[in-house]
Amino acid sequence: MRSITARGGDEATLPLGLPTPTAVPRVRRRSIAAGPPSEFVHRLGSHALTSQGLPAGTSVVVDTERTPQRGDIVFARIRGRLEVGVLGTQLGRKVLRSDNGSFWIDHTTDVWGVAVAADPPLDPLL
């Protein structure tokens, strides 16, 4: 709600020595563009792929339309949890291997996508 009383012209401002405020241009933040709509950027939150050189905090570009091949880094929903690992075979069945263990890939597994690019953070390397 605004006050309708007019400010007196004879009021003096306090002598604080502050600079006069100037308009600061707003900086528009750019979102990370991964490319086509079938790709998105995901930041790893666990150390599941540290042995692959991808520690927690790594930004990974995930392609949702690519068919996973053996040796690819795959994101899949297994038993209600998003898991990430390297696709392989074990005892003739597909398996998702990570530093946290192995998970069988079966008909109930929802494969989200395949990692196509990664940008590991520099902090662990220093």
N, C-alpha and C. Protein backbone atom coordinates (compact mmCIF):
# COMPACT_ATOMS: atom_id res chain seq x y z
N MET A 1 0.85 -1.16 0.00
CA MET A 1 0.00 0.00 0.00
C MET A 1 0.90 1.23 0.00
N ARG A 2 0.54 2.20 -0.77
CA ARG A 2 1.33 3.42 -0.87
C ARG A 2 0.78 4.49 0.04
N SER A 3 1.69 5.28 0.50
CA SER A 3 1.30 6.44 1.29
C SER A 3 0.97 7.58 0.35
N ILE A 4 -0.07 8.31 0.68
CA ILE A 4 -0.47 9.41 -0.20
C ILE A 4 0.01 10.76 0.30
N THR A 5 0.66 10.74 1.46
CA THR A 5 1.17 12.02 1.95
C THR A 5 2.39 12.43 1.14
N ALA A 6 2.43 13.66 0.78
CA ALA A 6 3.54 14.17 -0.01
C ALA A 6 4.74 14.41 0.90
N ARG A 7 5.88 14.15 0.37
CA ARG A 7 7.10 14.35 1.12
C ARG A 7 7.43 15.83 1.10
N GLY A 8 7.79 16.31 2.24
CA GLY A 8 8.11 17.74 2.32
C GLY A 8 9.36 18.06 1.56
N GLY A 9 9.36 19.13 0.82
CA GLY A 9 10.52 19.53 0.04
C GLY A 9 11.65 20.07 0.90
N ASP A 10 11.36 20.39 2.16
CA ASP A 10 12.39 20.97 3.00
C ASP A 10 13.10 19.93 3.86
N GLU A 11 12.77 18.63 3.69
CA GLU A 11 13.44 17.59 4.47
C GLU A 11 14.84 17.38 3.93
N ALA A 12 15.80 17.31 4.81
CA ALA A 12 17.19 17.08 4.42
C ALA A 12 17.51 15.60 4.58
N THR A 13 18.35 15.10 3.71
CA THR A 13 18.78 13.71 3.82
C THR A 13 19.95 13.63 4.77
N LEU A 14 20.15 12.45 5.33
CA LEU A 14 21.26 12.26 6.25
C LEU A 14 22.58 12.24 5.49
N PRO A 15 23.61 12.85 6.02
CA PRO A 15 24.91 12.90 5.33
C PRO A 15 25.70 11.62 5.58
N LEU A 16 25.37 10.53 4.90
CA LEU A 16 26.06 9.26 5.10
C LEU A 16 27.24 9.07 4.16
N GLY A 17 27.32 9.83 3.12
CA GLY A 17 28.43 9.70 2.18
C GLY A 17 28.29 8.49 1.28
N LEU A 18 27.09 7.97 1.11
CA LEU A 18 26.88 6.82 0.25
C LEU A 18 26.80 7.26 -1.20
N PRO A 19 27.28 6.43 -2.11
CA PRO A 19 27.16 6.81 -3.52
C PRO A 19 25.70 6.75 -3.96
N THR A 20 25.39 7.54 -4.93
CA THR A 20 24.02 7.53 -5.43
C THR A 20 23.76 6.23 -6.17
N PRO A 21 22.62 5.64 -5.94
CA PRO A 21 22.34 4.36 -6.60
C PRO A 21 22.16 4.54 -8.10
N THR A 22 22.73 3.62 -8.84
CA THR A 22 22.59 3.63 -10.29
C THR A 22 21.92 2.33 -10.71
N ALA A 23 21.30 2.36 -11.84
CA ALA A 23 20.64 1.17 -12.35
C ALA A 23 21.70 0.16 -12.78
N VAL A 24 21.57 -1.06 -12.28
CA VAL A 24 22.49 -2.14 -12.63
C VAL A 24 21.80 -3.02 -13.67
N PRO A 25 22.43 -3.22 -14.80
CA PRO A 25 21.78 -4.07 -15.81
C PRO A 25 21.68 -5.51 -15.31
N ARG A 26 20.55 -6.12 -15.56
CA ARG A 26 20.34 -7.51 -15.15
C ARG A 26 21.06 -8.43 -16.11
N VAL A 27 21.70 -9.41 -15.55
CA VAL A 27 22.40 -10.39 -16.36
C VAL A 27 21.46 -11.58 -16.55
N ARG A 28 21.21 -11.92 -17.77
CA ARG A 28 20.33 -13.05 -18.05
C ARG A 28 21.15 -14.33 -17.92
N ARG A 29 20.65 -15.24 -17.10
CA ARG A 29 21.35 -16.51 -16.92
C ARG A 29 21.02 -17.44 -18.06
N ARG A 30 22.05 -18.04 -18.60
CA ARG A 30 21.84 -19.00 -19.67
C ARG A 30 21.72 -20.39 -19.08
N SER A 31 20.78 -21.14 -19.56
CA SER A 31 20.68 -22.53 -19.13
C SER A 31 21.70 -23.33 -19.92
N ILE A 32 22.11 -24.44 -19.36
CA ILE A 32 23.08 -25.28 -20.05
C ILE A 32 22.35 -25.99 -21.18
N ALA A 33 22.71 -25.66 -22.39
CA ALA A 33 22.07 -26.28 -23.54
C ALA A 33 22.87 -27.51 -23.93
N ALA A 34 22.23 -28.66 -23.91
CA ALA A 34 22.91 -29.90 -24.22
C ALA A 34 22.82 -30.25 -25.69
N GLY A 35 21.91 -29.65 -26.40
CA GLY A 35 21.77 -29.97 -27.81
C GLY A 35 20.31 -30.23 -28.13
N PRO A 36 20.04 -31.31 -28.86
CA PRO A 36 18.66 -31.60 -29.21
C PRO A 36 17.81 -31.88 -27.97
N PRO A 37 16.47 -31.82 -28.10
CA PRO A 37 15.61 -32.07 -26.95
C PRO A 37 15.74 -33.47 -26.37
N SER A 38 16.36 -34.39 -27.10
CA SER A 38 16.51 -35.74 -26.59
C SER A 38 17.69 -35.86 -25.62
N GLU A 39 18.41 -34.76 -25.38
CA GLU A 39 19.56 -34.78 -24.48
C GLU A 39 19.33 -33.84 -23.31
N PHE A 40 19.85 -34.22 -22.16
CA PHE A 40 19.80 -33.36 -20.98
C PHE A 40 21.08 -33.52 -20.19
N VAL A 41 21.36 -32.57 -19.31
CA VAL A 41 22.58 -32.60 -18.50
C VAL A 41 22.20 -33.09 -17.10
N HIS A 42 22.97 -34.05 -16.60
CA HIS A 42 22.75 -34.60 -15.26
C HIS A 42 24.06 -34.49 -14.47
N ARG A 43 23.96 -34.05 -13.22
CA ARG A 43 25.15 -33.97 -12.37
C ARG A 43 25.15 -35.18 -11.44
N LEU A 44 26.23 -35.97 -11.50
CA LEU A 44 26.33 -37.17 -10.66
C LEU A 44 26.38 -36.78 -9.20
N GLY A 45 25.56 -37.44 -8.39
CA GLY A 45 25.50 -37.13 -6.97
C GLY A 45 26.21 -38.15 -6.10
N SER A 46 26.69 -39.23 -6.69
CA SER A 46 27.36 -40.26 -5.89
C SER A 46 28.69 -40.62 -6.55
N HIS A 47 29.44 -41.42 -5.86
CA HIS A 47 30.75 -41.85 -6.36
C HIS A 47 30.65 -43.21 -7.06
N ALA A 48 29.52 -43.47 -7.72
CA ALA A 48 29.29 -44.76 -8.35
C ALA A 48 30.20 -45.01 -9.55
N LEU A 49 30.72 -43.97 -10.17
CA LEU A 49 31.57 -44.14 -11.35
C LEU A 49 32.97 -43.55 -11.16
N THR A 50 33.43 -43.48 -9.93
CA THR A 50 34.76 -42.94 -9.66
C THR A 50 35.84 -43.76 -10.31
N SER A 51 35.68 -45.09 -10.35
CA SER A 51 36.68 -45.94 -10.98
C SER A 51 36.74 -45.72 -12.49
N GLN A 52 35.69 -45.14 -13.08
CA GLN A 52 35.67 -44.81 -14.50
C GLN A 52 36.21 -43.40 -14.75
N GLY A 53 36.63 -42.69 -13.69
CA GLY A 53 37.14 -41.33 -13.82
C GLY A 53 36.06 -40.27 -13.74
N LEU A 54 34.88 -40.64 -13.23
CA LEU A 54 33.76 -39.70 -13.12
C LEU A 54 33.30 -39.63 -11.66
N PRO A 55 33.93 -38.79 -10.84
CA PRO A 55 33.54 -38.69 -9.43
C PRO A 55 32.24 -37.90 -9.28
N ALA A 56 31.76 -37.82 -8.05
CA ALA A 56 30.56 -37.04 -7.76
C ALA A 56 30.78 -35.60 -8.17
N GLY A 57 29.74 -34.98 -8.73
CA GLY A 57 29.83 -33.61 -9.20
C GLY A 57 30.11 -33.49 -10.68
N THR A 58 30.33 -34.62 -11.35
CA THR A 58 30.59 -34.61 -12.78
C THR A 58 29.31 -34.30 -13.54
N SER A 59 29.37 -33.39 -14.50
CA SER A 59 28.23 -33.11 -15.36
C SER A 59 28.28 -34.06 -16.55
N VAL A 60 27.17 -34.77 -16.78
CA VAL A 60 27.11 -35.78 -17.84
C VAL A 60 25.95 -35.43 -18.77
N VAL A 61 26.21 -35.43 -20.07
CA VAL A 61 25.16 -35.24 -21.07
C VAL A 61 24.58 -36.62 -21.38
N VAL A 62 23.24 -36.76 -21.20
CA VAL A 62 22.57 -38.03 -21.38
C VAL A 62 21.67 -37.95 -22.60
N ASP A 63 21.83 -38.90 -23.51
CA ASP A 63 20.99 -38.99 -24.71
C ASP A 63 19.92 -40.03 -24.45
N THR A 64 18.65 -39.62 -24.52
CA THR A 64 17.54 -40.52 -24.20
C THR A 64 17.09 -41.37 -25.38
N GLU A 65 17.56 -41.05 -26.59
CA GLU A 65 17.13 -41.81 -27.76
C GLU A 65 18.16 -42.82 -28.24
N ARG A 66 19.35 -42.79 -27.70
CA ARG A 66 20.40 -43.70 -28.13
C ARG A 66 20.19 -45.08 -27.52
N THR A 67 20.39 -46.11 -28.31
CA THR A 67 20.28 -47.48 -27.83
C THR A 67 21.57 -47.85 -27.10
N PRO A 68 21.47 -48.32 -25.85
CA PRO A 68 22.70 -48.63 -25.11
C PRO A 68 23.41 -49.86 -25.68
N GLN A 69 24.72 -49.74 -25.75
CA GLN A 69 25.58 -50.84 -26.21
C GLN A 69 26.47 -51.27 -25.05
N ARG A 70 27.06 -52.41 -25.17
CA ARG A 70 27.96 -52.93 -24.14
C ARG A 70 29.13 -51.97 -23.95
N GLY A 71 29.39 -51.59 -22.70
CA GLY A 71 30.46 -50.66 -22.37
C GLY A 71 30.01 -49.23 -22.21
N ASP A 72 28.76 -48.92 -22.57
CA ASP A 72 28.22 -47.56 -22.41
C ASP A 72 27.86 -47.28 -20.96
N ILE A 73 27.94 -46.01 -20.57
CA ILE A 73 27.46 -45.59 -19.25
C ILE A 73 25.96 -45.33 -19.39
N VAL A 74 25.17 -46.07 -18.61
CA VAL A 74 23.72 -46.09 -18.77
C VAL A 74 23.05 -45.60 -17.50
N PHE A 75 21.99 -44.81 -17.66
CA PHE A 75 21.13 -44.39 -16.56
C PHE A 75 19.85 -45.21 -16.65
N ALA A 76 19.48 -45.88 -15.55
CA ALA A 76 18.29 -46.73 -15.56
C ALA A 76 17.58 -46.65 -14.21
N ARG A 77 16.27 -46.83 -14.25
CA ARG A 77 15.48 -46.88 -13.02
C ARG A 77 15.29 -48.35 -12.68
N ILE A 78 15.91 -48.75 -11.56
CA ILE A 78 15.85 -50.14 -11.11
C ILE A 78 15.22 -50.16 -9.72
N ARG A 79 14.13 -50.88 -9.59
CA ARG A 79 13.40 -50.98 -8.32
C ARG A 79 13.08 -49.61 -7.73
N GLY A 80 12.70 -48.67 -8.58
CA GLY A 80 12.29 -47.35 -8.12
C GLY A 80 13.42 -46.36 -7.87
N ARG A 81 14.66 -46.74 -8.09
CA ARG A 81 15.80 -45.84 -7.88
C ARG A 81 16.54 -45.63 -9.17
N LEU A 82 17.03 -44.41 -9.38
CA LEU A 82 17.84 -44.12 -10.55
C LEU A 82 19.26 -44.61 -10.29
N GLU A 83 19.72 -45.52 -11.11
CA GLU A 83 21.07 -46.09 -10.98
C GLU A 83 21.86 -45.75 -12.22
N VAL A 84 23.16 -45.63 -12.06
CA VAL A 84 24.05 -45.35 -13.17
C VAL A 84 25.18 -46.36 -13.11
N GLY A 85 25.59 -46.82 -14.27
CA GLY A 85 26.67 -47.79 -14.32
C GLY A 85 27.05 -48.10 -15.76
N VAL A 86 28.00 -49.02 -15.88
CA VAL A 86 28.49 -49.44 -17.19
C VAL A 86 27.74 -50.70 -17.58
N LEU A 87 27.16 -50.69 -18.78
CA LEU A 87 26.40 -51.84 -19.26
C LEU A 87 27.34 -52.95 -19.67
N GLY A 88 27.07 -54.15 -19.21
CA GLY A 88 27.88 -55.30 -19.54
C GLY A 88 27.04 -56.56 -19.50
N THR A 89 27.70 -57.70 -19.57
CA THR A 89 27.00 -58.98 -19.46
C THR A 89 27.67 -59.81 -18.38
N GLN A 90 26.87 -60.60 -17.71
CA GLN A 90 27.37 -61.51 -16.69
C GLN A 90 26.46 -62.72 -16.67
N LEU A 91 27.04 -63.90 -16.86
CA LEU A 91 26.28 -65.14 -16.93
C LEU A 91 25.22 -65.10 -18.01
N GLY A 92 25.53 -64.43 -19.11
CA GLY A 92 24.62 -64.37 -20.24
C GLY A 92 23.49 -63.37 -20.10
N ARG A 93 23.48 -62.59 -19.04
CA ARG A 93 22.42 -61.59 -18.84
C ARG A 93 23.03 -60.20 -18.81
N LYS A 94 22.22 -59.20 -19.18
CA LYS A 94 22.69 -57.82 -19.11
C LYS A 94 22.77 -57.38 -17.66
N VAL A 95 23.83 -56.62 -17.36
CA VAL A 95 24.04 -56.15 -16.00
C VAL A 95 24.56 -54.72 -16.05
N LEU A 96 24.23 -53.95 -15.03
CA LEU A 96 24.70 -52.58 -14.88
C LEU A 96 25.70 -52.57 -13.74
N ARG A 97 26.99 -52.31 -14.06
CA ARG A 97 28.05 -52.37 -13.05
C ARG A 97 28.47 -50.97 -12.64
N SER A 98 28.63 -50.78 -11.34
CA SER A 98 29.13 -49.51 -10.80
C SER A 98 29.98 -49.83 -9.58
N ASP A 99 30.54 -48.78 -8.97
CA ASP A 99 31.33 -48.98 -7.76
C ASP A 99 30.45 -49.37 -6.57
N ASN A 100 29.15 -49.17 -6.70
CA ASN A 100 28.21 -49.54 -5.63
C ASN A 100 27.71 -50.97 -5.75
N GLY A 101 28.06 -51.67 -6.82
CA GLY A 101 27.61 -53.04 -7.02
C GLY A 101 27.08 -53.24 -8.43
N SER A 102 26.50 -54.42 -8.64
CA SER A 102 25.94 -54.76 -9.94
C SER A 102 24.44 -54.93 -9.83
N PHE A 103 23.75 -54.58 -10.91
CA PHE A 103 22.29 -54.70 -10.96
C PHE A 103 21.91 -55.42 -12.25
N TRP A 104 21.04 -56.42 -12.14
CA TRP A 104 20.56 -57.12 -13.32
C TRP A 104 19.61 -56.22 -14.09
N ILE A 105 19.71 -56.26 -15.40
CA ILE A 105 18.80 -55.55 -16.28
C ILE A 105 17.78 -56.57 -16.78
N ASP A 106 16.50 -56.35 -16.48
CA ASP A 106 15.46 -57.26 -16.94
C ASP A 106 14.32 -56.47 -17.57
N HIS A 107 13.18 -57.10 -17.79
CA HIS A 107 12.07 -56.44 -18.48
C HIS A 107 11.42 -55.34 -17.64
N THR A 108 11.66 -55.33 -16.33
CA THR A 108 11.07 -54.29 -15.48
C THR A 108 11.95 -53.05 -15.39
N THR A 109 13.16 -53.12 -15.91
CA THR A 109 14.09 -52.00 -15.84
C THR A 109 13.74 -50.96 -16.90
N ASP A 110 13.68 -49.72 -16.48
CA ASP A 110 13.39 -48.60 -17.39
C ASP A 110 14.70 -47.87 -17.69
N VAL A 111 15.25 -48.09 -18.88
CA VAL A 111 16.50 -47.43 -19.27
C VAL A 111 16.18 -46.01 -19.72
N TRP A 112 16.79 -45.02 -19.04
CA TRP A 112 16.53 -43.61 -19.33
C TRP A 112 17.39 -43.08 -20.46
N GLY A 113 18.66 -43.45 -20.47
CA GLY A 113 19.52 -42.91 -21.50
C GLY A 113 20.96 -43.35 -21.36
N VAL A 114 21.77 -42.89 -22.30
CA VAL A 114 23.18 -43.24 -22.37
C VAL A 114 24.00 -41.96 -22.30
N ALA A 115 25.07 -41.99 -21.50
CA ALA A 115 25.96 -40.83 -21.38
C ALA A 115 26.77 -40.70 -22.67
N VAL A 116 26.75 -39.49 -23.24
CA VAL A 116 27.49 -39.25 -24.48
C VAL A 116 28.67 -38.30 -24.27
N ALA A 117 28.67 -37.54 -23.18
CA ALA A 117 29.77 -36.61 -22.88
C ALA A 117 29.81 -36.37 -21.38
N ALA A 118 30.99 -36.06 -20.86
CA ALA A 118 31.14 -35.82 -19.42
C ALA A 118 32.14 -34.70 -19.20
N ASP A 119 31.93 -33.97 -18.11
CA ASP A 119 32.81 -32.87 -17.73
C ASP A 119 33.11 -33.01 -16.24
N PRO A 120 34.18 -33.77 -15.88
CA PRO A 120 34.48 -33.96 -14.47
C PRO A 120 34.94 -32.66 -13.81
N PRO A 121 34.64 -32.49 -12.52
CA PRO A 121 35.11 -31.29 -11.82
C PRO A 121 36.61 -31.33 -11.62
N LEU A 122 37.23 -30.15 -11.48
CA LEU A 122 38.68 -30.10 -11.32
C LEU A 122 39.12 -30.21 -9.87
N ASP A 123 38.21 -30.08 -8.91
CA ASP A 123 38.59 -30.11 -7.50
C ASP A 123 39.35 -31.37 -7.10
N PRO A 124 38.90 -32.59 -7.45
CA PRO A 124 39.63 -33.78 -7.04
C PRO A 124 41.00 -33.91 -7.69
N LEU A 125 41.21 -33.22 -8.80
CA LEU A 125 42.47 -33.34 -9.51
C LEU A 125 43.57 -32.45 -8.93
N LEU A 126 43.20 -31.47 -8.11
CA LEU A 126 44.19 -30.55 -7.56
C LEU A 126 44.88 -31.10 -6.37
